[in-house]
Amino acid sequence: MRIAFAADHAGADLKSELLTRLAPLGHTFIDLGGDGSDPDDDYPDYSLALAEAILAGTADRGILVCGSGVGASIAASKMPCIRAGLCHDYYSAGQGVEHDDMNVLALGARVIGVETAVSCATAFLAARFSGAPRHVRRVAKIRAIEQEAARLEAAERTR
């Protein structure tokens, strides 16, 4: 699987550690930046780059890291077909993929330690969408919400 990674200044060290620690899993990693050198870099920029990589088919999934994980998950989820989840435990990181077809894992470098982050990322990467009818139905409802929001936005722009 091709996994895009991105982080703002607050998440750069954890992103680097994840790249090292997850390498033995055999996935292809795409590092979209955030090296921690610029304290003024902004998580929306990295969230957008990661979402665009998934939408373009360059990456299958992504892992975003910022200080809390909240901002990165909010920004990424603004893109259609991106289902970013902020997870700080193994169960949620796996279940988010299995039930919700989550394709972006957001982590908070100032909230969790390296071992928990590795555990979450491992669960996220190992999980597969179940395809169960109730989960397919729910993901379709999420997509319908996205489409309605896009319709409303387009209508507002034409006013």
N, C-alpha and C. Protein backbone atom coordinates (compact mmCIF):
# COMPACT_ATOMS: atom_id res chain seq x y z
N MET A 1 0.86 -1.17 0.00
CA MET A 1 0.00 0.00 0.00
C MET A 1 0.90 1.24 0.00
N ARG A 2 0.45 2.28 -0.68
CA ARG A 2 1.19 3.55 -0.73
C ARG A 2 0.60 4.48 0.33
N ILE A 3 1.45 4.92 1.26
CA ILE A 3 1.01 5.72 2.39
C ILE A 3 1.69 7.08 2.34
N ALA A 4 0.89 8.14 2.27
CA ALA A 4 1.42 9.50 2.32
C ALA A 4 1.51 9.93 3.78
N PHE A 5 2.59 10.62 4.11
CA PHE A 5 2.80 11.18 5.44
C PHE A 5 3.00 12.67 5.31
N ALA A 6 2.45 13.43 6.24
CA ALA A 6 2.67 14.87 6.27
C ALA A 6 2.51 15.35 7.70
N ALA A 7 3.21 16.43 8.01
CA ALA A 7 3.15 16.98 9.37
C ALA A 7 3.52 18.45 9.35
N ASP A 8 2.92 19.18 10.27
CA ASP A 8 3.35 20.55 10.48
C ASP A 8 4.55 20.54 11.43
N HIS A 9 4.99 21.72 11.84
CA HIS A 9 6.18 21.80 12.71
C HIS A 9 6.02 21.02 14.01
N ALA A 10 4.82 20.98 14.55
CA ALA A 10 4.59 20.30 15.82
C ALA A 10 4.59 18.78 15.67
N GLY A 11 4.30 18.30 14.48
CA GLY A 11 4.22 16.86 14.27
C GLY A 11 5.41 16.25 13.56
N ALA A 12 6.37 17.07 13.15
CA ALA A 12 7.48 16.60 12.32
C ALA A 12 8.30 15.49 12.97
N ASP A 13 8.63 15.63 14.24
CA ASP A 13 9.45 14.61 14.90
C ASP A 13 8.71 13.28 14.98
N LEU A 14 7.43 13.31 15.32
CA LEU A 14 6.67 12.08 15.39
C LEU A 14 6.52 11.46 14.00
N LYS A 15 6.29 12.28 12.99
CA LYS A 15 6.20 11.76 11.62
C LYS A 15 7.49 11.05 11.24
N SER A 16 8.62 11.64 11.54
CA SER A 16 9.91 11.04 11.23
C SER A 16 10.09 9.70 11.94
N GLU A 17 9.69 9.66 13.20
CA GLU A 17 9.78 8.42 13.97
C GLU A 17 8.85 7.35 13.40
N LEU A 18 7.65 7.74 12.98
CA LEU A 18 6.72 6.78 12.37
C LEU A 18 7.29 6.22 11.07
N LEU A 19 7.87 7.06 10.25
CA LEU A 19 8.46 6.58 9.00
C LEU A 19 9.52 5.52 9.27
N THR A 20 10.32 5.74 10.28
CA THR A 20 11.37 4.77 10.65
C THR A 20 10.78 3.50 11.23
N ARG A 21 9.87 3.65 12.17
CA ARG A 21 9.34 2.49 12.90
C ARG A 21 8.39 1.63 12.06
N LEU A 22 7.72 2.23 11.08
CA LEU A 22 6.77 1.49 10.25
C LEU A 22 7.40 0.90 9.00
N ALA A 23 8.62 1.27 8.70
CA ALA A 23 9.30 0.79 7.49
C ALA A 23 9.29 -0.73 7.34
N PRO A 24 9.49 -1.49 8.41
CA PRO A 24 9.49 -2.96 8.26
C PRO A 24 8.16 -3.55 7.80
N LEU A 25 7.08 -2.78 7.83
CA LEU A 25 5.78 -3.30 7.40
C LEU A 25 5.69 -3.49 5.89
N GLY A 26 6.63 -2.90 5.15
CA GLY A 26 6.70 -3.14 3.72
C GLY A 26 5.86 -2.25 2.83
N HIS A 27 5.28 -1.21 3.37
CA HIS A 27 4.50 -0.28 2.55
C HIS A 27 5.43 0.71 1.84
N THR A 28 4.92 1.35 0.83
CA THR A 28 5.64 2.42 0.16
C THR A 28 5.25 3.73 0.83
N PHE A 29 6.22 4.47 1.30
CA PHE A 29 5.95 5.72 1.99
C PHE A 29 6.25 6.91 1.09
N ILE A 30 5.37 7.89 1.16
CA ILE A 30 5.52 9.14 0.42
C ILE A 30 5.55 10.24 1.46
N ASP A 31 6.70 10.86 1.65
CA ASP A 31 6.84 11.92 2.65
C ASP A 31 6.55 13.25 1.97
N LEU A 32 5.43 13.85 2.36
CA LEU A 32 4.99 15.12 1.75
C LEU A 32 5.48 16.33 2.52
N GLY A 33 6.33 16.11 3.47
CA GLY A 33 6.95 17.25 4.11
C GLY A 33 6.47 17.55 5.51
N GLY A 34 7.09 18.61 5.96
CA GLY A 34 6.98 19.01 7.34
C GLY A 34 8.17 18.44 8.08
N ASP A 35 9.24 19.22 8.12
CA ASP A 35 10.46 18.75 8.78
C ASP A 35 10.71 19.44 10.11
N GLY A 36 9.79 20.32 10.49
CA GLY A 36 9.91 20.99 11.78
C GLY A 36 10.78 22.23 11.77
N SER A 37 11.34 22.57 10.62
CA SER A 37 12.26 23.70 10.57
C SER A 37 11.57 25.06 10.53
N ASP A 38 10.30 25.08 10.18
CA ASP A 38 9.58 26.35 10.07
C ASP A 38 8.45 26.39 11.08
N PRO A 39 8.61 27.14 12.16
CA PRO A 39 7.55 27.20 13.18
C PRO A 39 6.27 27.87 12.70
N ASP A 40 6.33 28.49 11.52
CA ASP A 40 5.15 29.14 10.97
C ASP A 40 4.44 28.31 9.90
N ASP A 41 4.89 27.06 9.69
CA ASP A 41 4.16 26.25 8.71
C ASP A 41 2.78 25.93 9.28
N ASP A 42 1.85 25.63 8.41
CA ASP A 42 0.46 25.48 8.83
C ASP A 42 -0.08 24.11 8.43
N TYR A 43 -0.74 23.45 9.38
CA TYR A 43 -1.29 22.11 9.13
C TYR A 43 -2.28 22.06 7.96
N PRO A 44 -3.07 23.11 7.66
CA PRO A 44 -3.97 22.99 6.51
C PRO A 44 -3.21 22.74 5.19
N ASP A 45 -2.03 23.33 5.07
CA ASP A 45 -1.25 23.13 3.84
C ASP A 45 -0.83 21.67 3.68
N TYR A 46 -0.40 21.05 4.76
CA TYR A 46 0.01 19.66 4.71
C TYR A 46 -1.19 18.73 4.58
N SER A 47 -2.29 19.09 5.21
CA SER A 47 -3.51 18.30 5.09
C SER A 47 -4.00 18.30 3.65
N LEU A 48 -3.95 19.45 3.01
CA LEU A 48 -4.36 19.56 1.61
C LEU A 48 -3.45 18.73 0.71
N ALA A 49 -2.14 18.83 0.91
CA ALA A 49 -1.20 18.07 0.08
C ALA A 49 -1.45 16.57 0.22
N LEU A 50 -1.70 16.12 1.43
CA LEU A 50 -1.94 14.70 1.66
C LEU A 50 -3.26 14.27 1.02
N ALA A 51 -4.31 15.06 1.21
CA ALA A 51 -5.60 14.73 0.61
C ALA A 51 -5.50 14.70 -0.91
N GLU A 52 -4.79 15.64 -1.49
CA GLU A 52 -4.63 15.68 -2.95
C GLU A 52 -3.88 14.44 -3.46
N ALA A 53 -2.92 13.96 -2.68
CA ALA A 53 -2.18 12.75 -3.07
C ALA A 53 -3.11 11.54 -3.12
N ILE A 54 -4.01 11.46 -2.16
CA ILE A 54 -4.97 10.35 -2.15
C ILE A 54 -5.96 10.49 -3.30
N LEU A 55 -6.48 11.68 -3.49
CA LEU A 55 -7.46 11.91 -4.56
C LEU A 55 -6.85 11.70 -5.95
N ALA A 56 -5.57 12.00 -6.09
CA ALA A 56 -4.89 11.81 -7.38
C ALA A 56 -4.49 10.36 -7.62
N GLY A 57 -4.60 9.53 -6.59
CA GLY A 57 -4.22 8.13 -6.73
C GLY A 57 -2.74 7.88 -6.50
N THR A 58 -2.02 8.89 -6.07
CA THR A 58 -0.60 8.74 -5.76
C THR A 58 -0.41 7.95 -4.48
N ALA A 59 -1.35 8.10 -3.54
CA ALA A 59 -1.33 7.39 -2.26
C ALA A 59 -2.67 6.71 -2.05
N ASP A 60 -2.64 5.60 -1.33
CA ASP A 60 -3.87 4.89 -1.00
C ASP A 60 -4.48 5.40 0.30
N ARG A 61 -3.63 5.73 1.24
CA ARG A 61 -4.04 6.26 2.53
C ARG A 61 -3.01 7.28 2.99
N GLY A 62 -3.34 7.96 4.10
CA GLY A 62 -2.40 8.95 4.61
C GLY A 62 -2.38 9.01 6.11
N ILE A 63 -1.26 9.47 6.63
CA ILE A 63 -1.11 9.71 8.06
C ILE A 63 -0.65 11.15 8.23
N LEU A 64 -1.45 11.93 8.96
CA LEU A 64 -1.19 13.33 9.23
C LEU A 64 -0.84 13.51 10.70
N VAL A 65 0.14 14.36 10.97
CA VAL A 65 0.50 14.62 12.36
C VAL A 65 0.62 16.12 12.57
N CYS A 66 -0.09 16.61 13.57
CA CYS A 66 0.08 17.99 14.02
C CYS A 66 0.13 17.95 15.54
N GLY A 67 0.06 19.08 16.18
CA GLY A 67 0.18 19.11 17.63
C GLY A 67 -0.88 18.30 18.34
N SER A 68 -2.14 18.56 18.03
CA SER A 68 -3.23 17.83 18.67
C SER A 68 -3.85 16.79 17.74
N GLY A 69 -3.65 16.94 16.45
CA GLY A 69 -4.30 16.10 15.45
C GLY A 69 -5.65 16.64 15.03
N VAL A 70 -6.21 17.52 15.81
CA VAL A 70 -7.55 18.04 15.54
C VAL A 70 -7.58 18.88 14.27
N GLY A 71 -6.71 19.87 14.19
CA GLY A 71 -6.71 20.75 13.04
C GLY A 71 -6.45 20.01 11.74
N ALA A 72 -5.48 19.11 11.76
CA ALA A 72 -5.16 18.35 10.56
C ALA A 72 -6.35 17.51 10.10
N SER A 73 -7.05 16.89 11.05
CA SER A 73 -8.19 16.05 10.67
C SER A 73 -9.34 16.90 10.13
N ILE A 74 -9.56 18.05 10.72
CA ILE A 74 -10.61 18.94 10.21
C ILE A 74 -10.29 19.40 8.79
N ALA A 75 -9.05 19.85 8.58
CA ALA A 75 -8.66 20.37 7.27
C ALA A 75 -8.75 19.28 6.20
N ALA A 76 -8.23 18.10 6.49
CA ALA A 76 -8.24 17.02 5.49
C ALA A 76 -9.66 16.61 5.14
N SER A 77 -10.53 16.57 6.14
CA SER A 77 -11.91 16.13 5.91
C SER A 77 -12.74 17.11 5.10
N LYS A 78 -12.23 18.28 4.83
CA LYS A 78 -12.94 19.23 3.97
C LYS A 78 -12.90 18.80 2.51
N MET A 79 -11.97 17.93 2.17
CA MET A 79 -11.85 17.46 0.80
C MET A 79 -12.83 16.31 0.56
N PRO A 80 -13.46 16.28 -0.61
CA PRO A 80 -14.40 15.18 -0.89
C PRO A 80 -13.67 13.84 -0.90
N CYS A 81 -14.35 12.85 -0.40
CA CYS A 81 -13.86 11.46 -0.37
C CYS A 81 -12.72 11.23 0.62
N ILE A 82 -12.39 12.24 1.40
CA ILE A 82 -11.37 12.06 2.44
C ILE A 82 -12.11 11.88 3.76
N ARG A 83 -11.82 10.77 4.39
CA ARG A 83 -12.43 10.46 5.68
C ARG A 83 -11.29 10.36 6.69
N ALA A 84 -10.98 11.50 7.28
CA ALA A 84 -9.88 11.58 8.25
C ALA A 84 -10.43 11.38 9.65
N GLY A 85 -9.74 10.57 10.42
CA GLY A 85 -10.14 10.34 11.80
C GLY A 85 -8.98 10.60 12.73
N LEU A 86 -9.28 11.32 13.79
CA LEU A 86 -8.30 11.56 14.85
C LEU A 86 -8.38 10.39 15.81
N CYS A 87 -7.32 9.63 15.91
CA CYS A 87 -7.31 8.43 16.75
C CYS A 87 -6.09 8.44 17.65
N HIS A 88 -6.34 8.12 18.89
CA HIS A 88 -5.24 8.00 19.85
C HIS A 88 -5.27 6.67 20.57
N ASP A 89 -5.93 5.68 19.95
CA ASP A 89 -5.94 4.33 20.51
C ASP A 89 -6.02 3.32 19.37
N TYR A 90 -5.52 2.14 19.62
CA TYR A 90 -5.43 1.06 18.64
C TYR A 90 -6.81 0.70 18.08
N TYR A 91 -7.79 0.53 18.95
CA TYR A 91 -9.12 0.10 18.52
C TYR A 91 -9.72 1.08 17.51
N SER A 92 -9.74 2.35 17.84
CA SER A 92 -10.36 3.34 16.95
C SER A 92 -9.65 3.43 15.61
N ALA A 93 -8.33 3.31 15.62
CA ALA A 93 -7.57 3.41 14.37
C ALA A 93 -7.90 2.27 13.43
N GLY A 94 -8.12 1.09 13.94
CA GLY A 94 -8.50 -0.04 13.10
C GLY A 94 -9.97 -0.02 12.74
N GLN A 95 -10.80 0.24 13.73
CA GLN A 95 -12.25 0.25 13.53
C GLN A 95 -12.67 1.36 12.57
N GLY A 96 -11.95 2.48 12.58
CA GLY A 96 -12.26 3.58 11.67
C GLY A 96 -12.15 3.17 10.22
N VAL A 97 -11.20 2.29 9.93
CA VAL A 97 -11.07 1.76 8.57
C VAL A 97 -12.14 0.70 8.32
N GLU A 98 -12.28 -0.24 9.25
CA GLU A 98 -13.18 -1.38 9.07
C GLU A 98 -14.64 -0.95 8.91
N HIS A 99 -15.08 0.03 9.68
CA HIS A 99 -16.50 0.43 9.67
C HIS A 99 -16.77 1.69 8.85
N ASP A 100 -15.81 2.62 8.83
CA ASP A 100 -16.05 3.94 8.24
C ASP A 100 -15.24 4.21 7.00
N ASP A 101 -14.45 3.24 6.56
CA ASP A 101 -13.59 3.39 5.39
C ASP A 101 -12.67 4.61 5.52
N MET A 102 -12.19 4.84 6.74
CA MET A 102 -11.27 5.95 7.02
C MET A 102 -10.02 5.78 6.16
N ASN A 103 -9.63 6.84 5.48
CA ASN A 103 -8.44 6.75 4.64
C ASN A 103 -7.32 7.68 5.09
N VAL A 104 -7.55 8.45 6.13
CA VAL A 104 -6.51 9.29 6.71
C VAL A 104 -6.56 9.16 8.22
N LEU A 105 -5.41 8.86 8.79
CA LEU A 105 -5.25 8.80 10.24
C LEU A 105 -4.58 10.09 10.68
N ALA A 106 -5.21 10.79 11.59
CA ALA A 106 -4.63 12.00 12.17
C ALA A 106 -4.17 11.67 13.59
N LEU A 107 -2.99 12.15 13.92
CA LEU A 107 -2.40 11.91 15.24
C LEU A 107 -1.94 13.23 15.84
N GLY A 108 -2.01 13.31 17.15
CA GLY A 108 -1.55 14.50 17.87
C GLY A 108 -0.24 14.25 18.57
N ALA A 109 0.82 14.84 18.06
CA ALA A 109 2.16 14.62 18.61
C ALA A 109 2.30 15.13 20.05
N ARG A 110 1.50 16.11 20.41
CA ARG A 110 1.57 16.65 21.77
C ARG A 110 0.61 15.94 22.72
N VAL A 111 -0.10 14.94 22.19
CA VAL A 111 -1.12 14.25 22.96
C VAL A 111 -0.71 12.82 23.29
N ILE A 112 -0.06 12.15 22.35
CA ILE A 112 0.31 10.75 22.56
C ILE A 112 1.81 10.55 22.39
N GLY A 113 2.29 9.48 22.95
CA GLY A 113 3.70 9.13 22.81
C GLY A 113 3.95 8.31 21.55
N VAL A 114 5.21 8.06 21.32
CA VAL A 114 5.62 7.34 20.11
C VAL A 114 5.02 5.94 20.07
N GLU A 115 5.06 5.21 21.16
CA GLU A 115 4.57 3.83 21.14
C GLU A 115 3.08 3.76 20.81
N THR A 116 2.31 4.67 21.38
CA THR A 116 0.87 4.69 21.07
C THR A 116 0.66 5.09 19.61
N ALA A 117 1.43 6.03 19.12
CA ALA A 117 1.31 6.44 17.72
C ALA A 117 1.64 5.29 16.78
N VAL A 118 2.67 4.54 17.09
CA VAL A 118 3.04 3.39 16.27
C VAL A 118 1.93 2.35 16.31
N SER A 119 1.37 2.12 17.49
CA SER A 119 0.26 1.17 17.64
C SER A 119 -0.93 1.60 16.79
N CYS A 120 -1.29 2.86 16.85
CA CYS A 120 -2.42 3.38 16.06
C CYS A 120 -2.15 3.24 14.57
N ALA A 121 -0.96 3.61 14.14
CA ALA A 121 -0.61 3.55 12.73
C ALA A 121 -0.60 2.10 12.24
N THR A 122 -0.11 1.20 13.07
CA THR A 122 -0.09 -0.21 12.71
C THR A 122 -1.50 -0.75 12.53
N ALA A 123 -2.39 -0.40 13.44
CA ALA A 123 -3.79 -0.84 13.33
C ALA A 123 -4.44 -0.24 12.08
N PHE A 124 -4.20 1.02 11.82
CA PHE A 124 -4.74 1.71 10.65
C PHE A 124 -4.29 1.03 9.36
N LEU A 125 -3.01 0.72 9.28
CA LEU A 125 -2.46 0.13 8.06
C LEU A 125 -2.88 -1.32 7.86
N ALA A 126 -3.12 -2.04 8.94
CA ALA A 126 -3.50 -3.44 8.85
C ALA A 126 -4.99 -3.63 8.55
N ALA A 127 -5.79 -2.65 8.87
CA ALA A 127 -7.25 -2.79 8.76
C ALA A 127 -7.72 -2.66 7.30
N ARG A 128 -8.84 -3.31 7.02
CA ARG A 128 -9.48 -3.23 5.71
C ARG A 128 -10.96 -2.92 5.93
N PHE A 129 -11.53 -2.16 5.02
CA PHE A 129 -12.96 -1.86 5.08
C PHE A 129 -13.74 -3.16 5.00
N SER A 130 -14.71 -3.32 5.89
CA SER A 130 -15.43 -4.59 5.97
C SER A 130 -16.33 -4.85 4.77
N GLY A 131 -16.88 -3.80 4.18
CA GLY A 131 -17.82 -3.97 3.08
C GLY A 131 -19.18 -4.46 3.53
N ALA A 132 -19.40 -4.57 4.85
CA ALA A 132 -20.69 -5.00 5.36
C ALA A 132 -21.77 -4.01 4.90
N PRO A 133 -22.95 -4.50 4.58
CA PRO A 133 -23.99 -3.61 4.06
C PRO A 133 -24.25 -2.38 4.93
N ARG A 134 -24.26 -2.53 6.23
CA ARG A 134 -24.53 -1.36 7.08
C ARG A 134 -23.40 -0.34 6.99
N HIS A 135 -22.16 -0.80 6.81
CA HIS A 135 -21.04 0.12 6.70
C HIS A 135 -21.03 0.80 5.33
N VAL A 136 -21.34 0.04 4.30
CA VAL A 136 -21.45 0.62 2.95
C VAL A 136 -22.54 1.69 2.94
N ARG A 137 -23.67 1.39 3.56
CA ARG A 137 -24.79 2.34 3.63
C ARG A 137 -24.35 3.62 4.35
N ARG A 138 -23.64 3.49 5.43
CA ARG A 138 -23.23 4.67 6.21
C ARG A 138 -22.21 5.51 5.46
N VAL A 139 -21.26 4.87 4.80
CA VAL A 139 -20.28 5.61 4.02
C VAL A 139 -20.98 6.32 2.85
N ALA A 140 -21.98 5.68 2.27
CA ALA A 140 -22.75 6.33 1.20
C ALA A 140 -23.47 7.58 1.73
N LYS A 141 -23.94 7.51 2.95
CA LYS A 141 -24.58 8.70 3.55
C LYS A 141 -23.58 9.82 3.76
N ILE A 142 -22.35 9.47 4.13
CA ILE A 142 -21.30 10.48 4.26
C ILE A 142 -21.06 11.15 2.91
N ARG A 143 -20.97 10.34 1.87
CA ARG A 143 -20.76 10.88 0.52
C ARG A 143 -21.93 11.77 0.10
N ALA A 144 -23.14 11.40 0.47
CA ALA A 144 -24.31 12.23 0.16
C ALA A 144 -24.23 13.58 0.88
N ILE A 145 -23.74 13.58 2.09
CA ILE A 145 -23.55 14.84 2.83
C ILE A 145 -22.54 15.71 2.08
N GLU A 146 -21.44 15.12 1.63
CA GLU A 146 -20.44 15.87 0.87
C GLU A 146 -21.05 16.48 -0.39
N GLN A 147 -21.84 15.68 -1.10
CA GLN A 147 -22.45 16.16 -2.34
C GLN A 147 -23.44 17.29 -2.08
N GLU A 148 -24.21 17.18 -1.02
CA GLU A 148 -25.17 18.24 -0.68
C GLU A 148 -24.43 19.51 -0.29
N ALA A 149 -23.37 19.38 0.46
CA ALA A 149 -22.58 20.56 0.84
C ALA A 149 -22.00 21.24 -0.40
N ALA A 150 -21.51 20.45 -1.34
CA ALA A 150 -20.98 21.02 -2.58
C ALA A 150 -22.07 21.72 -3.38
N ARG A 151 -23.26 21.13 -3.41
CA ARG A 151 -24.39 21.74 -4.12
C ARG A 151 -24.75 23.07 -3.48
N LEU A 152 -24.83 23.11 -2.15
CA LEU A 152 -25.17 24.34 -1.45
C LEU A 152 -24.10 25.42 -1.66
N GLU A 153 -22.85 25.00 -1.65
CA GLU A 153 -21.76 25.95 -1.87
C GLU A 153 -21.84 26.53 -3.28
N ALA A 154 -22.10 25.69 -4.26
CA ALA A 154 -22.21 26.15 -5.64
C ALA A 154 -23.39 27.11 -5.80
N ALA A 155 -24.50 26.80 -5.15
CA ALA A 155 -25.68 27.67 -5.22
C ALA A 155 -25.38 29.01 -4.59
N GLU A 156 -24.65 29.01 -3.50
CA GLU A 156 -24.29 30.26 -2.82
C GLU A 156 -23.38 31.11 -3.70
N ARG A 157 -22.48 30.49 -4.42
CA ARG A 157 -21.57 31.24 -5.28
C ARG A 157 -22.29 31.89 -6.45
N THR A 158 -23.42 31.32 -6.88
CA THR A 158 -24.13 31.89 -8.03
C THR A 158 -25.06 33.02 -7.62
N ARG A 159 -25.21 33.26 -6.34
CA ARG A 159 -26.08 34.36 -5.90
C ARG A 159 -25.45 35.69 -6.12
